[in-house]
N, C-alpha and C. Protein backbone atom coordinates (compact mmCIF):
# COMPACT_ATOMS: atom_id res chain seq x y z
N UNK A 1 113.82 129.22 116.01
CA UNK A 1 113.53 128.51 114.75
C UNK A 1 112.28 127.70 114.67
N UNK A 2 111.79 127.14 115.76
CA UNK A 2 110.39 126.24 116.01
C UNK A 2 109.15 127.40 116.07
N UNK A 3 109.65 128.74 116.42
CA UNK A 3 108.46 129.56 116.60
C UNK A 3 108.36 129.98 115.11
N UNK A 4 109.33 130.22 114.41
CA UNK A 4 109.09 130.58 112.92
C UNK A 4 108.16 129.45 111.89
N UNK A 5 108.49 128.41 112.48
CA UNK A 5 107.97 126.85 112.05
C UNK A 5 106.38 126.94 112.34
N UNK A 6 106.39 127.27 113.42
CA UNK A 6 104.73 127.23 113.98
C UNK A 6 103.75 128.31 113.48
N UNK A 7 104.33 129.19 113.22
CA UNK A 7 103.77 130.59 113.13
C UNK A 7 103.14 130.72 111.32
N UNK A 8 104.10 129.84 110.73
CA UNK A 8 104.16 130.37 109.21
C UNK A 8 102.58 129.85 108.78
N UNK A 9 102.10 128.76 109.39
CA UNK A 9 100.65 128.24 108.81
C UNK A 9 99.78 129.33 109.17
N UNK A 10 99.94 129.99 110.30
CA UNK A 10 98.97 130.72 110.65
C UNK A 10 98.52 132.07 109.67
N UNK A 11 99.50 132.66 109.34
CA UNK A 11 99.33 133.66 108.32
C UNK A 11 98.47 133.39 106.99
N UNK A 12 98.88 132.14 106.89
CA UNK A 12 98.23 131.03 105.67
C UNK A 12 96.64 130.93 105.67
N UNK A 13 96.44 130.72 107.19
CA UNK A 13 95.05 130.40 107.21
C UNK A 13 94.18 131.99 107.83
N UNK A 14 94.71 132.84 108.15
CA UNK A 14 93.82 133.85 108.61
C UNK A 14 93.93 134.97 107.56
N UNK A 15 94.89 134.92 106.53
CA UNK A 15 94.49 136.25 105.36
C UNK A 15 93.57 135.20 104.44
N UNK A 16 93.62 133.94 104.06
CA UNK A 16 92.68 133.19 103.09
C UNK A 16 92.08 134.46 101.93
N UNK A 17 93.70 134.78 101.05
CA UNK A 17 93.11 135.99 100.30
C UNK A 17 94.07 135.57 99.03
N UNK A 18 93.74 136.39 97.83
CA UNK A 18 94.89 135.89 96.76
C UNK A 18 96.35 135.99 96.97
N UNK A 19 96.80 136.63 98.12
CA UNK A 19 98.19 136.85 98.53
C UNK A 19 98.79 135.45 98.93
N UNK A 20 97.90 134.73 99.53
CA UNK A 20 98.40 133.26 99.97
C UNK A 20 99.00 132.50 98.86
N UNK A 21 98.74 132.63 97.71
CA UNK A 21 99.37 132.14 96.65
C UNK A 21 100.97 132.27 96.40
N UNK A 22 101.28 133.50 97.12
CA UNK A 22 102.74 133.39 97.12
C UNK A 22 103.60 132.38 98.06
N UNK A 23 102.72 131.85 98.92
CA UNK A 23 103.48 131.02 99.64
C UNK A 23 103.96 130.05 98.98
N UNK A 24 103.15 129.57 97.77
CA UNK A 24 103.87 128.58 96.92
C UNK A 24 105.42 129.03 96.22
N UNK A 25 105.06 130.28 96.18
CA UNK A 25 106.37 130.78 95.28
C UNK A 25 107.62 130.94 96.30
N UNK A 26 107.19 131.17 97.72
CA UNK A 26 108.23 130.98 98.53
C UNK A 26 108.73 129.70 98.59
N UNK A 27 107.94 128.64 98.74
CA UNK A 27 108.78 127.31 98.45
C UNK A 27 109.70 127.16 97.29
N UNK A 28 109.53 127.51 96.44
CA UNK A 28 110.13 127.41 95.18
C UNK A 28 111.32 128.20 95.39
N UNK A 29 111.41 129.24 96.12
CA UNK A 29 112.59 130.05 96.07
C UNK A 29 113.37 129.58 97.41
N UNK A 30 112.89 128.34 98.09
CA UNK A 30 113.51 127.68 98.98
C UNK A 30 113.51 128.66 100.26
N UNK A 31 112.33 129.86 100.42
CA UNK A 31 112.29 130.72 101.91
C UNK A 31 112.45 129.56 103.05
N UNK A 32 111.81 128.12 102.79
CA UNK A 32 111.74 127.63 104.09
C UNK A 32 112.85 126.47 104.28
N UNK A 33 113.93 126.83 103.55
CA UNK A 33 114.89 125.66 103.57
C UNK A 33 115.78 125.60 104.96
N UNK A 34 115.51 126.89 105.87
CA UNK A 34 116.01 126.34 107.21
C UNK A 34 115.36 125.69 108.06
N UNK A 35 114.07 125.70 107.68
CA UNK A 35 112.97 125.02 108.42
C UNK A 35 113.11 123.69 108.19
N UNK A 36 113.55 123.38 106.75
CA UNK A 36 113.22 122.15 106.39
C UNK A 36 114.50 121.30 107.00
N UNK A 37 115.63 121.94 106.86
CA UNK A 37 117.06 121.49 107.04
C UNK A 37 117.05 121.37 108.94
N UNK A 38 116.30 122.09 109.61
CA UNK A 38 116.32 121.72 110.98
C UNK A 38 115.68 120.66 111.30
N UNK A 39 114.39 120.45 110.48
CA UNK A 39 113.50 119.08 110.70
C UNK A 39 114.66 117.95 110.39
N UNK A 40 115.19 118.20 109.42
CA UNK A 40 116.14 116.93 108.92
C UNK A 40 117.15 116.82 110.26
N UNK A 41 117.59 117.48 110.81
CA UNK A 41 118.37 117.39 111.63
C UNK A 41 118.31 116.61 112.95
N UNK A 42 117.07 117.16 113.19
CA UNK A 42 116.24 116.69 114.37
C UNK A 42 115.50 115.14 113.98
N UNK A 43 116.12 113.96 113.56
CA UNK A 43 115.65 113.00 113.02
C UNK A 43 114.81 112.29 114.27
N UNK A 44 114.99 112.64 115.52
CA UNK A 44 114.38 111.73 116.57
C UNK A 44 113.12 112.63 117.06
N UNK A 45 112.81 113.94 116.24
CA UNK A 45 111.53 114.53 116.59
C UNK A 45 110.55 114.43 115.42
N UNK A 46 109.94 113.14 115.43
CA UNK A 46 109.05 113.13 114.26
C UNK A 46 107.94 114.32 114.12
N UNK A 47 107.52 114.76 115.40
CA UNK A 47 106.54 115.99 115.62
C UNK A 47 107.16 117.11 114.42
N UNK A 48 108.53 117.43 114.53
CA UNK A 48 109.17 118.48 113.69
C UNK A 48 108.93 118.19 112.25
N UNK A 49 109.01 116.80 111.75
CA UNK A 49 109.23 116.60 110.33
C UNK A 49 107.85 116.85 109.97
N UNK A 50 106.92 116.30 110.71
CA UNK A 50 105.46 115.99 110.23
C UNK A 50 104.88 117.47 110.12
N UNK A 51 105.58 118.45 111.10
CA UNK A 51 104.82 119.73 110.96
C UNK A 51 105.52 120.52 109.52
N UNK A 52 106.53 120.29 108.94
CA UNK A 52 107.47 120.46 107.69
C UNK A 52 106.33 119.99 106.95
N UNK A 53 105.99 118.62 106.98
CA UNK A 53 105.11 118.13 105.45
C UNK A 53 103.74 118.81 105.86
N UNK A 54 103.40 119.01 106.95
CA UNK A 54 101.88 119.64 107.00
C UNK A 54 101.96 121.05 106.11
N UNK A 55 102.99 121.97 106.44
CA UNK A 55 102.93 123.25 105.96
C UNK A 55 103.24 122.94 104.45
N UNK A 56 103.72 122.03 103.95
CA UNK A 56 103.86 122.04 102.56
C UNK A 56 102.51 121.71 101.93
N UNK A 57 101.90 120.80 102.52
CA UNK A 57 100.67 120.43 101.86
C UNK A 57 99.81 121.74 102.03
N UNK A 58 99.78 122.44 103.23
CA UNK A 58 98.93 123.72 103.18
C UNK A 58 99.17 124.77 102.40
N UNK A 59 100.49 124.68 101.91
CA UNK A 59 100.95 125.54 100.85
C UNK A 59 100.34 125.32 99.37
N UNK A 60 100.38 123.92 99.36
CA UNK A 60 99.65 123.51 97.97
C UNK A 60 98.52 123.54 98.04
N UNK A 61 97.87 123.75 99.06
CA UNK A 61 96.19 123.64 99.26
C UNK A 61 95.83 122.18 99.04
N UNK A 62 96.42 121.46 99.53
CA UNK A 62 96.20 119.86 99.43
C UNK A 62 95.57 119.39 100.94
N UNK A 63 94.43 119.93 101.19
CA UNK A 63 93.78 120.03 102.22
C UNK A 63 93.34 118.46 102.90
N UNK A 64 93.06 117.61 101.84
CA UNK A 64 92.82 116.32 102.50
C UNK A 64 93.97 115.55 102.99
N UNK A 65 95.00 115.99 102.37
CA UNK A 65 96.60 115.51 102.84
C UNK A 65 96.71 116.21 104.03
N UNK A 66 96.64 117.49 104.63
CA UNK A 66 96.59 118.34 105.61
C UNK A 66 95.99 117.42 106.67
N UNK A 67 94.67 116.96 106.51
CA UNK A 67 93.96 116.33 107.44
C UNK A 67 94.53 114.97 108.06
N UNK A 68 95.09 114.13 107.03
CA UNK A 68 95.77 113.07 107.28
C UNK A 68 96.95 113.32 108.10
N UNK A 69 97.69 114.25 107.77
CA UNK A 69 98.86 114.53 108.29
C UNK A 69 98.80 115.12 109.86
N UNK A 70 97.59 116.02 109.74
CA UNK A 70 97.22 116.38 111.44
C UNK A 70 97.00 114.98 112.27
N UNK A 71 96.18 114.04 111.41
CA UNK A 71 95.99 112.78 112.14
C UNK A 71 97.15 112.07 112.41
N UNK A 72 98.10 111.98 112.02
CA UNK A 72 99.36 111.38 112.12
C UNK A 72 100.11 112.02 113.39
N UNK A 73 100.13 113.42 113.52
CA UNK A 73 100.69 114.25 114.52
C UNK A 73 99.95 114.00 115.90
N UNK A 74 98.49 113.77 115.26
CA UNK A 74 97.88 113.30 117.03
C UNK A 74 98.10 112.29 117.14
N UNK A 75 98.36 111.11 116.53
CA UNK A 75 98.83 109.74 117.15
C UNK A 75 100.14 109.56 117.63
N UNK A 76 101.07 110.68 117.47
CA UNK A 76 101.91 110.34 118.41
C UNK A 76 101.75 111.15 119.90
N UNK A 77 100.91 111.09 120.26
CA UNK A 77 100.15 111.07 121.61
C UNK A 77 101.36 112.30 122.40
N UNK A 78 101.42 113.49 121.77
CA UNK A 78 101.85 114.56 122.41
C UNK A 78 101.12 115.30 123.45
N UNK A 79 101.85 116.23 124.34
CA UNK A 79 101.00 116.58 125.59
C UNK A 79 100.01 117.56 124.83
N UNK A 80 98.96 117.66 125.87
CA UNK A 80 97.78 118.35 125.37
C UNK A 80 98.24 120.04 124.90
N UNK A 81 99.26 120.43 125.51
CA UNK A 81 99.58 121.76 125.42
C UNK A 81 100.89 121.79 124.48
N UNK A 82 101.19 120.80 123.90
CA UNK A 82 102.17 120.81 122.86
C UNK A 82 101.96 121.85 121.87
N UNK A 83 102.79 122.48 121.39
CA UNK A 83 102.89 123.61 120.50
C UNK A 83 102.48 123.12 119.11
N UNK A 84 103.26 121.98 118.71
CA UNK A 84 102.97 121.12 117.37
C UNK A 84 101.73 120.69 117.23
N UNK A 85 101.09 120.19 118.42
CA UNK A 85 99.80 119.10 118.42
C UNK A 85 98.59 120.48 118.45
N UNK A 86 98.84 121.70 119.23
CA UNK A 86 98.03 122.70 119.24
C UNK A 86 97.57 123.52 117.79
N UNK A 87 99.18 123.36 117.19
CA UNK A 87 98.97 123.93 115.76
C UNK A 87 98.55 123.41 114.66
N UNK A 88 98.66 122.02 114.89
CA UNK A 88 98.29 120.70 113.87
C UNK A 88 96.63 120.81 113.85
N UNK A 89 96.17 120.74 115.20
CA UNK A 89 94.85 120.71 115.53
C UNK A 89 94.07 122.08 114.63
N UNK A 90 94.63 123.31 114.69
CA UNK A 90 94.12 124.46 114.59
C UNK A 90 94.21 124.54 113.05
N UNK A 91 95.26 124.01 112.27
CA UNK A 91 94.98 123.80 110.85
C UNK A 91 94.29 122.83 110.33
N UNK A 92 93.93 121.87 110.84
CA UNK A 92 93.07 120.75 110.77
C UNK A 92 91.71 121.34 110.61
N UNK A 93 91.36 122.22 111.65
CA UNK A 93 90.06 122.78 111.73
C UNK A 93 89.58 123.84 110.50
N UNK A 94 90.89 124.31 110.27
CA UNK A 94 90.17 125.12 109.17
C UNK A 94 90.75 124.77 107.62
N UNK A 95 91.52 123.43 107.63
CA UNK A 95 91.32 122.70 106.58
C UNK A 95 89.75 122.27 106.32
N UNK A 96 89.12 121.74 107.18
CA UNK A 96 88.14 120.95 107.26
C UNK A 96 87.18 122.20 106.75
N UNK A 97 86.85 123.50 107.52
CA UNK A 97 85.86 124.42 106.84
C UNK A 97 86.32 124.91 105.64
N UNK A 98 87.45 124.68 105.07
CA UNK A 98 87.69 124.97 103.60
C UNK A 98 87.02 124.01 102.80
N UNK A 99 87.17 122.96 103.07
CA UNK A 99 86.79 121.56 102.52
C UNK A 99 85.35 121.81 102.31
N UNK A 100 84.57 121.93 103.50
CA UNK A 100 83.18 121.97 103.25
C UNK A 100 82.51 123.30 102.56
N UNK A 101 83.41 124.29 102.66
CA UNK A 101 82.75 125.48 101.95
C UNK A 101 83.17 125.25 100.23
N UNK A 102 84.16 124.66 99.97
CA UNK A 102 84.40 124.30 98.43
C UNK A 102 83.19 123.15 98.10
N UNK A 103 82.87 122.34 98.96
CA UNK A 103 82.18 121.26 98.52
C UNK A 103 80.51 121.90 98.49
N UNK A 104 80.38 123.04 99.22
CA UNK A 104 79.00 123.49 98.88
C UNK A 104 78.92 124.46 97.80
N UNK A 105 79.97 124.85 97.10
CA UNK A 105 79.84 125.27 95.79
C UNK A 105 80.07 124.53 94.97
N UNK A 106 80.16 123.40 94.86
CA UNK A 106 80.27 122.34 93.57
C UNK A 106 78.73 121.91 93.31
N UNK A 107 78.33 121.94 91.93
CA UNK A 107 77.05 121.74 91.37
C UNK A 107 76.72 122.59 90.13
N UNK A 108 75.71 122.64 89.92
CA UNK A 108 75.20 123.45 88.53
C UNK A 108 74.35 124.72 88.90
N UNK A 109 75.18 125.75 88.15
CA UNK A 109 74.56 127.09 88.03
C UNK A 109 74.04 127.46 86.72
N UNK A 110 72.76 128.17 87.20
CA UNK A 110 72.10 128.94 85.75
C UNK A 110 72.14 130.56 85.67
N UNK A 111 72.30 131.03 84.38
CA UNK A 111 72.32 132.52 84.26
C UNK A 111 70.90 132.86 84.85
N UNK A 112 71.29 133.75 85.81
CA UNK A 112 70.11 134.55 86.07
C UNK A 112 69.45 135.92 85.82
N UNK A 113 70.69 136.72 85.85
CA UNK A 113 70.50 137.93 85.57
C UNK A 113 71.83 138.75 85.19
N UNK A 114 71.97 140.17 84.73
CA UNK A 114 73.10 140.69 84.63
C UNK A 114 73.31 141.90 85.48
N UNK A 115 74.39 142.19 86.20
CA UNK A 115 74.44 143.00 87.33
C UNK A 115 74.50 144.58 87.11
N UNK A 116 74.84 144.54 85.70
CA UNK A 116 74.44 145.95 84.84
C UNK A 116 73.11 146.32 84.25
N UNK A 117 72.32 146.64 85.47
CA UNK A 117 70.87 146.52 85.32
C UNK A 117 70.58 147.98 84.05
N UNK A 118 71.44 148.51 83.80
CA UNK A 118 70.91 149.70 82.88
C UNK A 118 71.07 149.23 81.39
N UNK A 119 71.82 148.33 81.21
CA UNK A 119 71.98 147.49 79.94
C UNK A 119 71.31 146.40 79.83
N UNK A 120 70.87 146.08 78.33
CA UNK A 120 69.59 145.09 78.09
C UNK A 120 70.71 143.65 78.20
N UNK A 121 70.41 142.63 78.45
CA UNK A 121 70.81 141.28 78.71
C UNK A 121 70.14 140.27 78.09
N UNK A 122 70.87 139.52 77.38
CA UNK A 122 70.30 138.01 76.83
C UNK A 122 71.20 136.92 76.94
N UNK A 123 71.83 136.78 77.95
CA UNK A 123 72.82 135.95 78.25
C UNK A 123 72.16 134.65 78.76
N UNK A 124 72.55 133.53 78.73
CA UNK A 124 71.59 132.28 78.95
C UNK A 124 72.59 131.08 79.47
N UNK A 125 72.43 130.13 79.72
CA UNK A 125 73.15 128.80 80.05
C UNK A 125 73.30 128.54 81.01
N UNK A 126 74.34 127.56 81.29
CA UNK A 126 74.49 126.71 82.62
C UNK A 126 76.07 126.57 82.82
N UNK A 127 76.48 126.59 84.07
CA UNK A 127 78.09 125.94 84.15
C UNK A 127 77.85 125.02 85.42
N UNK A 128 78.67 123.94 84.86
CA UNK A 128 78.63 122.95 86.02
C UNK A 128 79.88 122.88 86.77
N UNK A 129 80.20 122.95 88.01
CA UNK A 129 81.29 123.01 88.78
C UNK A 129 81.56 121.94 89.50
N UNK A 130 82.92 121.24 89.64
CA UNK A 130 83.51 120.31 90.17
C UNK A 130 84.87 120.70 90.70
N UNK A 131 85.46 120.28 91.96
CA UNK A 131 86.27 120.50 92.55
C UNK A 131 87.31 119.48 92.55
N UNK A 132 88.53 119.34 92.29
CA UNK A 132 89.57 118.50 92.22
C UNK A 132 89.65 117.70 93.79
N UNK A 133 89.67 116.48 93.69
CA UNK A 133 89.80 115.77 95.00
C UNK A 133 91.46 115.94 95.57
N UNK A 134 92.34 116.09 95.03
CA UNK A 134 93.82 116.21 95.32
C UNK A 134 94.25 117.78 95.61
N UNK A 135 93.81 118.41 94.59
CA UNK A 135 94.31 119.94 94.36
C UNK A 135 93.26 120.81 94.85
N UNK A 136 92.57 121.08 96.03
CA UNK A 136 91.36 121.43 96.25
C UNK A 136 91.08 122.58 95.50
N UNK A 137 91.54 123.61 95.21
CA UNK A 137 91.20 124.79 94.40
C UNK A 137 91.48 124.81 93.21
N UNK A 138 91.53 123.64 92.54
CA UNK A 138 91.40 123.32 91.31
C UNK A 138 90.01 122.93 90.91
N UNK A 139 89.43 123.76 89.89
CA UNK A 139 87.95 123.54 89.68
C UNK A 139 87.82 123.03 88.03
N UNK A 140 87.17 122.09 87.86
CA UNK A 140 86.58 121.84 86.28
C UNK A 140 85.12 122.68 85.76
N UNK A 141 85.30 123.46 85.08
CA UNK A 141 83.69 124.31 84.78
C UNK A 141 83.51 123.91 83.31
N UNK A 142 82.08 123.18 83.37
CA UNK A 142 81.50 122.59 82.29
C UNK A 142 80.67 123.35 81.82
N UNK A 143 80.74 124.01 80.67
CA UNK A 143 79.79 125.31 80.08
C UNK A 143 78.83 124.45 79.19
N UNK A 144 77.48 124.67 79.54
CA UNK A 144 76.55 124.15 78.77
C UNK A 144 75.41 125.47 78.19
N UNK A 145 75.62 125.49 76.87
CA UNK A 145 75.12 126.80 76.16
C UNK A 145 74.99 127.92 76.76
N UNK A 146 76.26 128.09 77.22
CA UNK A 146 76.48 129.49 78.37
C UNK A 146 77.01 130.52 77.12
N UNK A 147 76.44 131.90 77.86
CA UNK A 147 76.94 133.06 77.14
C UNK A 147 75.80 133.93 76.02
N UNK A 148 76.24 134.39 75.04
CA UNK A 148 75.40 135.03 74.10
C UNK A 148 74.94 134.37 73.28
N UNK A 149 73.52 134.63 72.38
CA UNK A 149 73.06 133.55 71.46
C UNK A 149 73.85 133.43 70.43
N UNK A 150 74.89 134.36 69.77
CA UNK A 150 75.84 134.11 68.83
C UNK A 150 77.04 133.66 68.99
N UNK A 151 77.29 133.32 70.40
CA UNK A 151 78.66 133.08 71.00
C UNK A 151 78.72 132.13 72.21
N UNK A 152 77.93 131.20 71.82
CA UNK A 152 77.42 129.95 73.16
C UNK A 152 78.70 129.09 73.34
N UNK A 153 78.91 128.86 74.44
CA UNK A 153 79.95 128.02 74.92
C UNK A 153 79.68 126.46 75.18
N UNK A 154 80.12 125.62 74.80
CA UNK A 154 79.61 124.27 75.10
C UNK A 154 81.00 123.39 75.01
N UNK A 155 81.84 123.80 76.11
CA UNK A 155 83.34 123.14 76.50
C UNK A 155 83.57 123.15 78.03
N UNK A 156 84.65 122.53 78.11
CA UNK A 156 85.01 122.57 79.58
C UNK A 156 86.70 123.45 79.69
N UNK A 157 86.81 123.81 80.65
CA UNK A 157 87.74 124.62 81.20
C UNK A 157 88.44 124.30 82.67
N UNK A 158 89.78 124.19 82.87
CA UNK A 158 90.32 123.82 84.27
C UNK A 158 90.73 124.97 84.85
N UNK A 159 90.39 125.69 86.06
CA UNK A 159 90.84 126.85 86.42
C UNK A 159 91.26 126.62 88.08
N UNK A 160 92.54 127.27 88.16
CA UNK A 160 92.75 127.48 89.52
C UNK A 160 92.18 128.63 90.30
N UNK A 161 91.46 128.37 91.45
CA UNK A 161 91.08 129.36 92.06
C UNK A 161 91.86 129.80 93.50
N UNK A 162 91.82 130.91 93.66
CA UNK A 162 92.46 131.59 95.26
C UNK A 162 91.73 130.89 96.32
N UNK A 163 91.97 130.95 97.41
CA UNK A 163 91.55 130.53 98.67
C UNK A 163 90.27 131.22 98.89
N UNK A 164 89.95 132.56 98.16
CA UNK A 164 88.84 133.18 98.51
C UNK A 164 87.75 132.77 97.57
N UNK A 165 87.87 132.09 96.65
CA UNK A 165 87.12 131.17 95.72
C UNK A 165 86.98 132.25 94.38
N UNK A 166 87.70 132.98 94.33
CA UNK A 166 87.86 133.75 92.94
C UNK A 166 88.97 133.38 92.23
N UNK A 167 89.10 133.85 90.81
CA UNK A 167 89.84 133.29 89.93
C UNK A 167 90.07 134.46 88.63
N UNK A 168 90.97 134.73 87.98
CA UNK A 168 91.19 135.42 87.05
C UNK A 168 91.72 134.63 85.60
N UNK A 169 91.24 134.59 84.27
CA UNK A 169 92.01 133.88 83.18
C UNK A 169 92.05 135.28 82.37
N UNK A 170 93.36 135.47 81.87
CA UNK A 170 93.77 136.20 80.79
C UNK A 170 93.01 135.59 79.31
N UNK A 171 92.63 136.26 78.63
CA UNK A 171 92.13 135.93 77.26
C UNK A 171 92.94 136.83 75.81
N UNK A 172 92.90 136.23 75.02
CA UNK A 172 93.62 137.14 73.66
C UNK A 172 93.14 138.51 73.66
N UNK A 173 91.44 138.77 73.92
CA UNK A 173 90.95 139.81 73.72
C UNK A 173 90.55 140.80 75.12
N UNK A 174 91.12 140.15 76.03
CA UNK A 174 90.65 140.54 77.45
C UNK A 174 90.73 139.72 78.65
N UNK A 175 90.07 139.67 79.46
CA UNK A 175 90.14 138.82 80.73
C UNK A 175 88.70 138.33 81.49
N UNK A 176 88.70 137.45 81.98
CA UNK A 176 87.43 137.00 82.72
C UNK A 176 87.69 136.38 83.87
N UNK A 177 86.92 136.86 84.86
CA UNK A 177 86.92 136.60 86.18
C UNK A 177 85.80 135.80 86.88
N UNK A 178 86.22 135.02 88.00
CA UNK A 178 85.20 134.24 88.36
C UNK A 178 85.13 134.50 90.00
N UNK A 179 83.95 134.38 90.52
CA UNK A 179 83.76 134.52 91.88
C UNK A 179 82.60 133.84 92.34
N UNK A 180 82.93 133.21 93.45
CA UNK A 180 81.95 132.48 93.97
C UNK A 180 81.54 133.29 95.61
N UNK A 181 80.00 133.66 95.55
CA UNK A 181 79.40 134.58 96.58
C UNK A 181 78.29 133.64 96.96
N UNK A 182 78.26 132.95 98.38
CA UNK A 182 76.89 132.48 98.87
C UNK A 182 76.53 131.41 97.60
N UNK A 183 75.48 131.44 97.41
CA UNK A 183 74.98 130.50 96.53
C UNK A 183 74.83 130.98 94.69
N UNK A 184 75.90 132.02 94.65
CA UNK A 184 75.68 132.36 93.23
C UNK A 184 77.23 132.44 92.65
N UNK A 185 77.24 132.36 91.66
CA UNK A 185 78.74 132.09 90.84
C UNK A 185 78.57 133.74 89.87
N UNK A 186 79.55 134.41 89.92
CA UNK A 186 79.82 135.67 89.04
C UNK A 186 81.00 135.68 88.38
N UNK A 187 80.50 135.81 87.10
CA UNK A 187 81.14 135.79 86.02
C UNK A 187 81.37 136.93 84.94
N UNK A 188 82.59 137.60 85.15
CA UNK A 188 82.57 139.11 84.52
C UNK A 188 83.87 138.73 83.29
N UNK A 189 83.54 139.51 82.39
CA UNK A 189 83.98 139.44 80.78
C UNK A 189 84.59 140.94 80.63
N UNK A 190 85.63 141.42 80.75
CA UNK A 190 86.30 142.57 80.22
C UNK A 190 87.08 142.62 79.00
N UNK A 191 86.83 143.36 78.03
CA UNK A 191 87.70 143.36 76.88
C UNK A 191 87.39 144.75 76.00
N UNK A 192 88.09 144.74 74.75
CA UNK A 192 87.81 145.89 74.04
C UNK A 192 86.03 146.19 73.79
N UNK A 193 85.23 145.57 73.81
CA UNK A 193 83.69 145.77 73.71
C UNK A 193 83.30 146.16 75.03
N UNK A 194 83.80 146.23 76.11
CA UNK A 194 83.46 146.85 77.45
C UNK A 194 83.47 145.71 78.38
N UNK A 195 82.43 145.69 79.72
CA UNK A 195 82.31 144.67 80.38
C UNK A 195 81.05 143.96 80.34
N UNK A 196 80.84 142.62 80.66
CA UNK A 196 80.02 142.05 80.62
C UNK A 196 79.88 141.13 82.05
N UNK A 197 78.94 141.17 82.49
CA UNK A 197 78.68 140.34 83.95
C UNK A 197 77.30 139.71 84.12
N UNK A 198 77.81 138.42 84.39
CA UNK A 198 76.81 137.07 84.49
C UNK A 198 76.66 136.85 85.86
N UNK A 199 75.18 136.86 86.29
CA UNK A 199 75.46 136.10 87.87
C UNK A 199 74.75 134.90 87.72
N UNK A 200 74.78 134.01 88.05
CA UNK A 200 74.38 132.38 88.11
C UNK A 200 73.90 132.15 89.41
N UNK A 201 72.95 131.46 89.29
CA UNK A 201 72.22 130.81 90.54
C UNK A 201 72.72 129.43 90.64
N UNK A 202 73.15 128.98 91.93
CA UNK A 202 73.06 127.45 91.84
C UNK A 202 71.85 126.86 92.10
N UNK A 203 71.75 126.08 91.20
CA UNK A 203 70.51 125.34 91.43
C UNK A 203 70.42 124.09 92.55
N UNK A 204 69.56 124.08 93.15
CA UNK A 204 68.96 123.32 94.28
C UNK A 204 69.35 121.65 94.22
N UNK A 205 69.01 121.27 92.73
CA UNK A 205 69.27 119.68 92.67
C UNK A 205 70.77 119.89 92.20
N UNK A 206 71.58 119.68 93.23
CA UNK A 206 73.15 119.48 92.96
C UNK A 206 73.51 118.69 92.21
């Protein structure tokens, strides 16, 4: 049981893809019930209980809470080679890297061009991006004169991204997808009128 308990987070950290969102569904379907019950039985083992807590926070992408729980495990003064200690350290390291990456993508993006070079493009505007402090992959996108001249957006939208920093939003007339790549944000609209792709460049004065 402890092997199962300690290996679960590894799959989540290594994949870092849209499939990881299924972990939350597994919690809701009580896939981890046995692990939780085992932890409750081992009331004299705080390390086991904290590891279950760490897994729950990781599955919910509450990375700042992950770091706090990992610190609590470290304060237990477990042996250097204790599996719980080693796994918590690995998870904390990955969480820090994810947080740093998310932080880098916060800022203002300005329409640079369309990736469909064979079509005329008159898109314009900016998108201001900020990520939630508690739920790491929830972002607020504030649109500033964004879009085509006859349909500019000047509103806000809250979007949940996947760990690979991509997101899809279904619309009444199609779908829009967002993806962060290096210092750019790519926005793709797909609908009855075809496909439009905006590439926005992150401005240096974040």
